């Protein structure tokens, strides 16, 4: 601003910046330049408010003495060879003292009354500029957090698994907060909390699986729906997890909506990083509330989709039972009747015997097909995401695992009331044999068909009732996997 008096130029330049740190730097530099002081520093009364502690002149020149230490709690504290403060003026923002502007080591002589008036005028203008910069910074942060919450909500409601949803929340929150990690904890059955998701650009080793034991003061606040703010995770006695030594300032925010606690969002910063400001804490807490609602809505949507899948599966199962099985059963009865009539009219006719044998094989195939369709109906009636609790379900889970490896879905047939007759110890041994048999099939080449049969209507050689497992495949025998047929039986 050429041609303007230095004071007016300095006053006008202070208000040209919207970013708070840049505004404070202009204030400090202008004070030093207007008074001829070789050193100027602005110390904040409440560092947690704006995340700033002290701003000094951009290029102080101290050939014989050193400036106050950056770690000094007060710019005026004496240290070896430290310069003397010659002027100390408070800067007020909205009737509160924001900080003190201190000048030292004036090169042109002692501080004059005019110097004091100039600095006080500059401090008054600085208060207005700081208030504007604060408003701008708050608005900019709020905009970022709102955009981040909207992006997370859109992602959560677009589908995906529960684990993907939590990872999305952790990643977005970490970036928005400028944290070194985004961590999701979920309540455990024992009443504690466990870290289930970690998003960090560094090494996450040893973090996932860490638990907070029941009874922890932090845990009690979180379970009560209260956020927890930590100045230094490594030294705070409330922090008990072994990973706390990695982090400094931290926010732990409950993911809660309508009294339902989904988990906790933790946003720790690194050791020595600046603490979170009041604005950052408020915006992060609001973000956590919005995300919790989005997670609940996403879970409800997923539940509705699962319900639709279950209903569709039930419909398919009913159709298979009411139409396919009944028609196959009727066809089998027709073939059996034809076989009996043909046998009655054979009269030593070789062709009639051949027809009878063919009909017998057709009846056997239909019976096997009916059994397989019934097995498929049973599988359709099982919730796909749940671990099977019935014996049939456990067998089908094993065959499904083999299908994923072999690319061939085994044919599974059950004969007799398997659920009522097979005890847990027998079921455990049978499943172990089945796993070994399926593993053997996976090591053979050319497998295109695998047949699994469980029969509880057999009688063992000693006369006791028993169960028989038969596994057969059409693969090429080789080495240790030479036998494609496995038969195992046990008393019931």
Protein backbone atom coordinates (compact mmCIF):
# COMPACT_ATOMS: atom_id res chain seq x y z
CA UNK A 1 0.00 0.00 0.00
CA UNK A 2 2.43 2.70 -1.17
CA UNK A 3 1.83 6.26 0.03
CA UNK A 4 -0.07 5.36 3.21
CA UNK A 5 1.28 6.18 6.70
CA UNK A 6 2.96 3.11 8.28
CA UNK A 7 0.37 2.84 11.07
CA UNK A 8 -2.61 2.98 8.70
CA UNK A 9 -0.93 0.52 6.36
CA UNK A 10 -0.31 -1.88 9.27
CA UNK A 11 -3.90 -1.56 10.54
CA UNK A 12 -5.32 -2.26 7.09
CA UNK A 13 -2.99 -5.18 6.44
CA UNK A 14 -3.99 -6.91 9.68
CA UNK A 15 -7.54 -7.36 8.40
CA UNK A 16 -6.61 -8.71 4.97
CA UNK A 17 -6.07 -12.30 6.15
CA UNK A 18 -8.90 -14.71 6.99
CA UNK A 19 -6.75 -17.57 8.24
CA UNK A 20 -6.14 -17.16 11.99
CA UNK A 21 -2.46 -18.07 12.14
CA UNK A 22 -1.63 -15.75 9.24
CA UNK A 23 -3.62 -12.95 10.92
CA UNK A 24 -1.72 -13.36 14.18
CA UNK A 25 1.61 -13.39 12.36
CA UNK A 26 0.74 -10.08 10.66
CA UNK A 27 -0.14 -8.56 14.03
CA UNK A 28 3.15 -9.59 15.61
CA UNK A 29 5.27 -8.44 12.67
CA UNK A 30 3.44 -5.13 12.41
CA UNK A 31 3.95 -4.40 16.12
CA UNK A 32 7.67 -5.05 15.86
CA UNK A 33 8.03 -2.93 12.74
CA UNK A 34 6.03 0.05 14.04
CA UNK A 35 7.86 0.28 17.36
CA UNK A 36 11.33 -0.70 16.23
CA UNK A 37 11.36 -3.64 18.65
CA UNK A 38 13.72 -6.44 17.66
CA UNK A 39 11.43 -9.04 19.17
CA UNK A 40 7.63 -9.42 19.44
CA UNK A 41 5.56 -12.36 20.69
CA UNK A 42 1.84 -12.99 21.07
CA UNK A 43 1.04 -15.51 23.80
CA UNK A 44 -2.47 -17.01 23.93
CA UNK A 45 -4.40 -17.13 27.19
CA UNK A 46 -6.39 -20.24 26.12
CA UNK A 47 -4.32 -22.40 23.74
CA UNK A 48 -7.04 -25.08 23.64
CA UNK A 49 -9.51 -22.60 22.11
CA UNK A 50 -7.69 -22.18 18.80
CA UNK A 51 -4.95 -24.78 18.97
CA UNK A 52 -2.22 -22.12 19.12
CA UNK A 53 0.22 -21.37 21.91
CA UNK A 54 2.51 -18.55 20.78
CA UNK A 55 3.29 -16.53 17.66
CA UNK A 56 6.68 -14.79 17.32
CA UNK A 57 8.18 -12.38 14.85
CA UNK A 58 8.90 -14.06 11.54
CA UNK A 59 12.66 -13.24 11.57
CA UNK A 60 13.88 -12.09 14.99
CA UNK A 61 17.49 -10.90 15.09
CA UNK A 62 19.35 -11.59 18.30
CA UNK A 63 23.08 -11.61 17.71
CA UNK A 64 23.96 -11.41 21.39
CA UNK A 65 20.89 -12.70 23.23
CA UNK A 66 18.36 -15.42 22.57
CA UNK A 67 14.58 -15.06 22.34
CA UNK A 68 12.30 -16.58 24.95
CA UNK A 69 12.04 -20.35 24.69
CA UNK A 70 9.08 -21.71 22.71
CA UNK A 71 8.28 -23.97 25.65
CA UNK A 72 8.25 -21.10 28.14
CA UNK A 73 4.86 -20.75 29.88
CA UNK A 74 5.21 -16.95 29.77
CA UNK A 75 7.18 -14.77 27.34
CA UNK A 76 8.41 -12.69 30.28
CA UNK A 77 10.02 -15.50 32.25
CA UNK A 78 13.72 -14.90 32.69
CA UNK A 79 16.17 -17.42 31.30
CA UNK A 80 19.93 -17.15 30.71
CA UNK A 81 20.74 -14.18 28.40
CA UNK A 82 17.10 -13.50 27.84
CA UNK A 83 15.91 -10.06 26.65
CA UNK A 84 13.66 -7.87 28.80
CA UNK A 85 10.01 -7.27 27.95
CA UNK A 86 9.58 -3.55 27.41
CA UNK A 87 5.85 -3.43 26.51
CA UNK A 88 2.98 -5.80 27.29
CA UNK A 89 -0.47 -5.05 25.80
CA UNK A 90 -3.53 -7.33 26.08
CA UNK A 91 -5.59 -8.14 22.98
CA UNK A 92 -9.31 -8.45 23.65
CA UNK A 93 -11.81 -10.38 21.54
CA UNK A 94 -15.48 -10.00 22.47
CA UNK A 95 -14.68 -8.64 25.95
CA UNK A 96 -12.31 -11.53 26.68
CA UNK A 97 -8.53 -11.38 26.77
CA UNK A 98 -7.31 -13.40 23.79
CA UNK A 99 -3.63 -12.98 24.66
CA UNK A 100 -0.83 -10.56 25.34
CA UNK A 101 1.29 -8.83 22.72
CA UNK A 102 4.77 -8.39 24.18
CA UNK A 103 7.64 -6.34 22.71
CA UNK A 104 11.28 -6.53 23.70
CA UNK A 105 14.68 -5.02 22.92
CA UNK A 106 13.71 -1.80 21.17
CA UNK A 107 16.68 -0.82 19.03
CA UNK A 108 16.01 2.98 19.00
CA UNK A 109 15.85 3.53 22.75
CA UNK A 110 13.24 3.16 25.48
CA UNK A 111 9.56 2.65 24.76
CA UNK A 112 7.69 5.94 24.36
CA UNK A 113 4.09 6.87 25.03
CA UNK A 114 3.58 7.04 21.29
CA UNK A 115 4.82 3.45 20.96
CA UNK A 116 2.29 2.34 23.56
CA UNK A 117 -0.56 4.17 21.80
CA UNK A 118 0.42 2.64 18.46
CA UNK A 119 0.49 -0.88 19.90
CA UNK A 120 -2.82 -0.38 21.71
CA UNK A 121 -4.45 0.84 18.51
CA UNK A 122 -2.99 -2.14 16.68
CA UNK A 123 -4.29 -4.45 19.48
CA UNK A 124 -7.81 -3.02 19.13
CA UNK A 125 -7.79 -3.64 15.39
CA UNK A 126 -6.27 -7.05 15.99
CA UNK A 127 -9.21 -8.03 18.23
CA UNK A 128 -11.63 -7.37 15.35
CA UNK A 129 -9.44 -9.24 12.86
CA UNK A 130 -9.08 -12.22 15.21
CA UNK A 131 -12.86 -12.42 15.72
CA UNK A 132 -13.38 -12.42 11.95
CA UNK A 133 -10.68 -15.03 11.44
CA UNK A 134 -12.24 -17.20 14.11
CA UNK A 135 -15.64 -16.99 12.42
CA UNK A 136 -14.09 -17.87 9.08
CA UNK A 137 -12.13 -20.79 10.50
CA UNK A 138 -15.17 -22.14 12.37
CA UNK A 139 -17.33 -21.87 9.24
CA UNK A 140 -14.68 -23.60 7.16
CA UNK A 141 -14.29 -26.43 9.68
CA UNK A 142 -18.05 -26.83 10.01
CA UNK A 143 -18.37 -27.05 6.23
CA UNK A 144 -15.71 -29.76 6.06
CA UNK A 145 -17.34 -31.83 8.81
CA UNK A 146 -20.81 -31.45 7.28
CA UNK A 147 -19.50 -32.54 3.87
CA UNK A 148 -17.69 -35.44 5.52
CA UNK A 149 -20.82 -36.56 7.39
CA UNK A 150 -22.85 -36.36 4.17
CA UNK A 151 -20.24 -38.42 2.30
CA UNK A 152 -20.19 -41.07 5.03
CA UNK A 153 -23.99 -41.24 5.14
CA UNK A 154 -24.19 -41.65 1.37
CA UNK A 155 -21.60 -44.42 1.45
CA UNK A 156 -23.27 -46.26 4.32
CA UNK A 157 -26.71 -46.18 2.73
CA UNK A 158 -25.40 -47.35 -0.64
CA UNK A 159 -24.86 -50.88 0.68
CA UNK A 160 -21.92 -52.96 1.82
CA UNK A 161 -21.12 -55.05 4.87
CA UNK A 162 -21.10 -53.88 8.48
CA UNK A 163 -17.29 -54.11 8.59
CA UNK A 164 -17.02 -51.92 5.47
CA UNK A 165 -19.34 -49.37 7.06
CA UNK A 166 -17.21 -49.07 10.21
CA UNK A 167 -14.03 -48.78 8.15
CA UNK A 168 -15.60 -45.95 6.14
CA UNK A 169 -16.49 -44.08 9.34
CA UNK A 170 -12.99 -44.52 10.80
CA UNK A 171 -11.21 -43.34 7.61
CA UNK A 172 -13.35 -40.23 7.06
CA UNK A 173 -13.22 -39.20 10.72
CA UNK A 174 -9.43 -39.56 10.86
CA UNK A 175 -8.96 -37.26 7.85
CA UNK A 176 -11.47 -34.67 9.07
CA UNK A 177 -9.97 -34.48 12.56
CA UNK A 178 -6.35 -34.50 11.44
CA UNK A 179 -5.83 -37.50 13.72
CA UNK A 180 -3.10 -40.08 13.47
CA UNK A 181 -5.68 -42.89 13.65
CA UNK A 182 -9.40 -43.50 13.36
CA UNK A 183 -10.48 -46.27 15.73
CA UNK A 184 -13.84 -47.99 16.22
CA UNK A 185 -14.56 -49.87 19.46
CA UNK A 186 -17.59 -52.08 20.05
CA UNK A 187 -19.08 -53.32 23.34
CA UNK A 188 -18.16 -56.86 24.39
CA UNK A 189 -20.34 -59.47 26.06
CA UNK A 190 -18.29 -59.07 29.25
CA UNK A 191 -19.17 -55.40 29.57
CA UNK A 192 -15.96 -53.94 28.15
CA UNK A 193 -15.05 -52.58 24.73
CA UNK A 194 -12.85 -53.98 21.98
CA UNK A 195 -11.08 -52.24 19.10
CA UNK A 196 -12.52 -53.79 15.91
CA UNK A 197 -11.47 -51.32 13.18
CA UNK A 198 -8.38 -49.12 12.76
CA UNK A 199 -7.63 -46.61 10.01
CA UNK A 200 -4.11 -45.20 10.13
CA UNK A 201 -1.43 -44.26 7.60
CA UNK A 202 1.15 -45.81 9.92
CA UNK A 203 1.54 -49.30 11.35
CA UNK A 204 -1.74 -50.56 12.90
CA UNK A 205 -0.10 -53.71 14.33
CA UNK A 206 -1.20 -54.58 17.83
CA UNK A 207 -4.18 -52.20 17.90
CA UNK A 208 -7.08 -54.33 16.62
CA UNK A 209 -8.26 -56.68 19.34
CA UNK A 210 -7.14 -54.43 22.21
CA UNK A 211 -9.82 -54.28 24.89
CA UNK A 212 -10.88 -51.87 27.60
CA UNK A 213 -11.70 -53.91 30.68
CA UNK A 214 -15.02 -53.43 32.52
CA UNK A 215 -14.85 -50.88 35.31
CA UNK A 216 -12.58 -48.39 33.55
CA UNK A 217 -13.55 -44.73 34.25
CA UNK A 218 -13.35 -43.98 30.53
CA UNK A 219 -15.55 -46.96 29.76
CA UNK A 220 -18.20 -45.86 32.24
CA UNK A 221 -18.45 -42.48 30.54
CA UNK A 222 -18.63 -44.01 27.08
CA UNK A 223 -21.27 -46.58 28.04
CA UNK A 224 -23.22 -43.69 29.52
CA UNK A 225 -23.15 -41.90 26.17
CA UNK A 226 -20.68 -39.19 27.24
CA UNK A 227 -17.71 -38.12 25.06
CA UNK A 228 -14.25 -38.32 26.60
CA UNK A 229 -11.49 -35.83 25.77
CA UNK A 230 -7.90 -36.70 26.62
CA UNK A 231 -5.01 -34.22 26.70
CA UNK A 232 -2.33 -36.92 26.56
CA UNK A 233 -3.27 -40.59 26.14
CA UNK A 234 0.16 -41.79 27.24
CA UNK A 235 0.02 -40.15 30.67
CA UNK A 236 -3.71 -39.90 31.46
CA UNK A 237 -4.43 -42.35 34.33
CA UNK A 238 -7.89 -43.07 32.89
CA UNK A 239 -6.31 -44.73 29.86
CA UNK A 240 -5.44 -48.36 30.58
CA UNK A 241 -4.86 -49.98 27.18
CA UNK A 242 -1.30 -50.92 26.18
CA UNK A 243 -1.54 -48.92 22.91
CA UNK A 244 -2.01 -45.62 24.75
CA UNK A 245 1.74 -44.96 24.69
CA UNK A 246 1.52 -44.36 20.92
CA UNK A 247 -0.83 -41.40 21.17
CA UNK A 248 -1.21 -37.91 22.61
CA UNK A 249 -4.40 -35.81 22.52
CA UNK A 250 -7.50 -37.89 21.82
CA UNK A 251 -11.27 -37.75 21.47
CA UNK A 252 -13.45 -40.75 22.31
CA UNK A 253 -16.97 -40.21 21.00
CA UNK A 254 -19.93 -42.55 21.62
CA UNK A 255 -21.75 -43.69 18.47
CA UNK A 256 -25.19 -43.53 20.00
CA UNK A 257 -28.70 -42.76 18.78
CA UNK A 258 -32.06 -43.03 20.55
CA UNK A 259 -30.39 -44.61 23.57
CA UNK A 260 -28.73 -47.34 21.52
CA UNK A 261 -24.93 -47.49 21.84
CA UNK A 262 -23.41 -48.91 18.66
CA UNK A 263 -19.79 -48.34 19.62
CA UNK A 264 -17.15 -45.65 20.13
CA UNK A 265 -15.21 -43.54 17.65
CA UNK A 266 -11.70 -42.74 18.95
CA UNK A 267 -9.57 -40.10 17.21
CA UNK A 268 -6.10 -39.97 18.79
CA UNK A 269 -3.32 -37.66 17.61
CA UNK A 270 0.39 -38.41 17.85
CA UNK A 271 2.60 -37.71 20.83
CA UNK A 272 3.39 -34.01 21.02
CA UNK A 273 0.65 -32.96 18.55
CA UNK A 274 -1.53 -29.99 19.44
CA UNK A 275 -4.67 -30.64 21.50
CA UNK A 276 -8.14 -30.50 19.98
CA UNK A 277 -9.89 -27.15 20.13
CA UNK A 278 -13.38 -26.62 21.53
CA UNK A 279 -14.72 -26.17 17.99
CA UNK A 280 -13.11 -29.42 16.83
CA UNK A 281 -14.55 -31.26 19.81
CA UNK A 282 -18.03 -29.92 19.14
CA UNK A 283 -17.94 -30.70 15.41
CA UNK A 284 -16.56 -34.19 15.98
CA UNK A 285 -19.26 -34.93 18.56
CA UNK A 286 -21.96 -33.82 16.11
CA UNK A 287 -20.34 -35.92 13.39
CA UNK A 288 -20.43 -38.99 15.65
CA UNK A 289 -24.14 -38.48 16.34
CA UNK A 290 -24.95 -38.19 12.62
CA UNK A 291 -22.83 -41.22 11.78
CA UNK A 292 -24.53 -43.29 14.50
CA UNK A 293 -27.91 -42.50 12.95
CA UNK A 294 -26.59 -43.41 9.49
CA UNK A 295 -25.26 -46.71 10.83
CA UNK A 296 -28.65 -47.54 12.33
CA UNK A 297 -30.41 -46.66 9.06
CA UNK A 298 -27.89 -48.74 7.08
CA UNK A 299 -28.41 -51.67 9.45
CA UNK A 300 -32.19 -51.34 9.10
CA UNK A 301 -31.87 -51.27 5.33
CA UNK A 302 -29.65 -54.35 5.40
CA UNK A 303 -32.20 -56.11 7.61
CA UNK A 304 -35.00 -55.27 5.17
CA UNK A 305 -32.93 -56.62 2.29
CA UNK A 306 -32.21 -59.82 4.23
CA UNK A 307 -35.90 -60.16 5.04
CA UNK A 308 -36.71 -59.85 1.34
CA UNK A 309 -34.10 -62.53 0.59
CA UNK A 310 -35.54 -64.84 3.25
CA UNK A 311 -39.05 -64.34 1.93
CA UNK A 312 -37.87 -65.11 -1.59
CA UNK A 313 -36.05 -68.21 -0.40
CA UNK A 314 -39.14 -69.39 1.45
CA UNK A 315 -41.21 -68.91 -1.70
CA UNK A 316 -38.70 -70.90 -3.76
CA UNK A 317 -38.66 -73.65 -1.13
CA UNK A 318 -42.46 -73.83 -1.14
CA UNK A 319 -42.53 -73.98 -4.93
CA UNK A 320 -39.94 -76.74 -4.98
CA UNK A 321 -41.86 -78.73 -2.41
CA UNK A 322 -45.35 -78.16 -3.80
CA UNK A 323 -44.51 -78.56 -7.47
CA UNK A 324 -41.18 -80.24 -8.19
CA UNK A 325 -41.08 -82.81 -5.39
CA UNK A 326 -44.71 -83.79 -5.84
CA UNK A 327 -44.31 -84.23 -9.59
CA UNK A 328 -41.11 -86.25 -9.16
CA UNK A 329 -42.82 -88.42 -6.57
CA UNK A 330 -45.83 -88.99 -8.86
CA UNK A 331 -43.52 -89.81 -11.77
CA UNK A 332 -41.65 -92.31 -9.63
CA UNK A 333 -44.91 -94.02 -8.66
CA UNK A 334 -45.89 -94.25 -12.33
CA UNK A 335 -42.56 -95.84 -13.21
CA UNK A 336 -42.82 -98.32 -10.34
CA UNK A 337 -46.31 -99.32 -11.51
CA UNK A 338 -45.04 -99.75 -15.06
CA UNK A 339 -42.13 -101.82 -13.79
CA UNK A 340 -44.46 -104.16 -11.89
CA UNK A 341 -46.74 -104.62 -14.92
CA UNK A 342 -43.75 -105.26 -17.14
CA UNK A 343 -42.40 -107.86 -14.68
CA UNK A 344 -45.76 -109.63 -14.66
CA UNK A 345 -45.71 -109.89 -18.48
CA UNK A 346 -42.04 -110.83 -18.94
CA UNK A 347 -42.59 -114.50 -19.71
CA UNK A 348 -38.88 -115.04 -20.23
CA UNK A 349 -38.61 -112.23 -22.71
CA UNK A 350 -35.09 -110.83 -22.54
CA UNK A 351 -36.22 -107.47 -23.85
CA UNK A 352 -38.78 -107.19 -21.08
CA UNK A 353 -36.06 -107.89 -18.51
CA UNK A 354 -33.96 -105.10 -19.97
CA UNK A 355 -36.91 -102.71 -19.84
CA UNK A 356 -37.53 -103.69 -16.23
CA UNK A 357 -33.90 -103.02 -15.31
CA UNK A 358 -34.01 -99.65 -17.03
CA UNK A 359 -37.18 -98.73 -15.18
CA UNK A 360 -35.53 -99.74 -11.92
CA UNK A 361 -32.59 -97.46 -12.55
CA UNK A 362 -34.95 -94.60 -13.43
CA UNK A 363 -36.86 -95.10 -10.18
CA UNK A 364 -33.58 -95.04 -8.21
CA UNK A 365 -32.49 -91.83 -9.95
CA UNK A 366 -35.83 -90.19 -9.18
CA UNK A 367 -35.59 -91.18 -5.51
CA UNK A 368 -32.09 -89.72 -5.35
CA UNK A 369 -33.30 -86.55 -7.07
CA UNK A 370 -36.16 -86.19 -4.60
CA UNK A 371 -33.68 -86.47 -1.72
CA UNK A 372 -31.41 -83.81 -3.26
CA UNK A 373 -34.31 -81.43 -3.85
CA UNK A 374 -35.43 -81.86 -0.25
CA UNK A 375 -31.89 -81.10 0.88
CA UNK A 376 -31.92 -77.97 -1.28
CA UNK A 377 -35.24 -76.94 0.29
CA UNK A 378 -33.74 -77.35 3.75
CA UNK A 379 -30.72 -75.24 2.77
CA UNK A 380 -32.98 -72.48 1.45
CA UNK A 381 -34.76 -72.35 4.78
CA UNK A 382 -31.50 -71.65 6.68
CA UNK A 383 -30.41 -68.02 7.30
CA UNK A 384 -27.33 -67.70 5.07
CA UNK A 385 -25.39 -65.47 7.44
CA UNK A 386 -25.91 -67.60 10.54
CA UNK A 387 -23.78 -70.50 11.66
CA UNK A 388 -25.77 -73.73 11.23
CA UNK A 389 -26.95 -75.34 14.44
CA UNK A 390 -28.61 -78.45 13.01
CA UNK A 391 -26.78 -81.54 11.84
CA UNK A 392 -28.07 -81.11 8.28
CA UNK A 393 -26.89 -77.51 8.26
CA UNK A 394 -23.40 -78.48 9.43
CA UNK A 395 -23.07 -81.11 6.70
CA UNK A 396 -24.25 -78.63 4.08
CA UNK A 397 -21.74 -76.07 5.34
CA UNK A 398 -18.91 -78.56 4.86
CA UNK A 399 -20.03 -79.43 1.33
CA UNK A 400 -20.42 -75.74 0.49
CA UNK A 401 -16.84 -75.15 1.60
CA UNK A 402 -15.68 -77.98 -0.68
CA UNK A 403 -17.66 -76.47 -3.55
CA UNK A 404 -15.75 -73.17 -3.12
CA UNK A 405 -12.44 -75.05 -3.47
CA UNK A 406 -13.35 -77.58 -6.16
CA UNK A 407 -15.79 -75.55 -8.20
CA UNK A 408 -18.16 -78.53 -7.95
CA UNK A 409 -21.21 -78.55 -5.68
CA UNK A 410 -21.39 -81.98 -3.96
CA UNK A 411 -24.67 -83.87 -4.17
CA UNK A 412 -25.93 -84.46 -0.61
CA UNK A 413 -28.57 -86.99 0.43
CA UNK A 414 -29.98 -87.74 3.88
CA UNK A 415 -31.91 -90.93 4.67
CA UNK A 416 -33.92 -91.28 7.86
CA UNK A 417 -34.51 -88.88 10.78
CA UNK A 418 -30.93 -87.62 11.05
CA UNK A 419 -31.74 -84.74 13.39
CA UNK A 420 -33.40 -87.01 15.95
CA UNK A 421 -31.05 -89.98 15.89
CA UNK A 422 -27.51 -88.56 15.56
CA UNK A 423 -26.02 -87.42 18.87
CA UNK A 424 -23.45 -84.63 19.16
CA UNK A 425 -20.42 -86.94 19.71
CA UNK A 426 -21.35 -89.06 16.68
CA UNK A 427 -22.02 -85.94 14.62
CA UNK A 428 -18.56 -84.57 15.51
CA UNK A 429 -16.80 -87.73 14.37
CA UNK A 430 -18.87 -87.93 11.18
CA UNK A 431 -18.08 -84.34 10.25
CA UNK A 432 -14.36 -84.96 10.79
CA UNK A 433 -14.47 -87.92 8.40
CA UNK A 434 -16.45 -85.85 5.90
CA UNK A 435 -13.85 -83.07 5.97
CA UNK A 436 -11.02 -85.52 5.33
CA UNK A 437 -12.93 -87.15 2.49
CA UNK A 438 -13.68 -83.80 0.83
CA UNK A 439 -10.04 -82.76 1.27
CA UNK A 440 -8.97 -85.95 -0.45
CA UNK A 441 -11.30 -85.18 -3.35
CA UNK A 442 -9.73 -81.74 -3.69
CA UNK A 443 -6.33 -83.37 -4.25
CA UNK A 444 -7.58 -85.57 -7.09
CA UNK A 445 -7.73 -84.34 -10.67
CA UNK A 446 -10.73 -84.42 -12.95
CA UNK A 447 -13.38 -84.29 -10.21
CA UNK A 448 -16.71 -83.31 -11.75
CA UNK A 449 -19.12 -85.00 -9.36
CA UNK A 450 -19.09 -85.65 -5.61
CA UNK A 451 -21.81 -87.64 -3.86
CA UNK A 452 -22.33 -87.45 -0.09
CA UNK A 453 -24.87 -89.71 1.63
CA UNK A 454 -25.82 -89.93 5.31
CA UNK A 455 -28.08 -92.85 6.25
CA UNK A 456 -29.39 -93.47 9.78
CA UNK A 457 -31.54 -96.47 8.85
CA UNK A 458 -28.69 -98.98 8.56
CA UNK A 459 -28.10 -101.98 10.81
CA UNK A 460 -24.51 -102.70 11.79
CA UNK A 461 -23.03 -106.22 11.57
CA UNK A 462 -23.51 -106.68 15.32
CA UNK A 463 -27.21 -105.89 14.99
CA UNK A 464 -27.11 -102.42 16.50
CA UNK A 465 -28.71 -99.45 14.70
CA UNK A 466 -26.12 -97.17 13.15
CA UNK A 467 -25.30 -94.31 10.81
CA UNK A 468 -23.33 -94.65 7.61
CA UNK A 469 -21.49 -91.87 5.74
CA UNK A 470 -20.60 -92.50 2.11
CA UNK A 471 -18.51 -90.07 0.01
CA UNK A 472 -17.76 -90.80 -3.64
CA UNK A 473 -16.19 -88.73 -6.42
CA UNK A 474 -15.27 -89.41 -10.06
CA UNK A 475 -11.74 -88.02 -9.87
CA UNK A 476 -8.58 -89.72 -11.09
CA UNK A 477 -6.82 -91.63 -8.29
CA UNK A 478 -3.25 -90.52 -7.60
CA UNK A 479 -0.81 -91.24 -4.80
CA UNK A 480 -2.10 -90.79 -1.28
CA UNK A 481 -5.54 -89.84 -2.62
CA UNK A 482 -6.02 -93.10 -4.47
CA UNK A 483 -9.40 -94.16 -3.04
CA UNK A 484 -12.29 -92.03 -4.33
CA UNK A 485 -14.76 -93.91 -2.11
CA UNK A 486 -15.01 -93.34 1.64
CA UNK A 487 -17.41 -95.28 3.85
CA UNK A 488 -17.65 -94.68 7.58
CA UNK A 489 -20.21 -96.00 10.05
CA UNK A 490 -20.87 -95.79 13.75
CA UNK A 491 -23.46 -97.06 16.23
CA UNK A 492 -26.10 -94.54 17.24
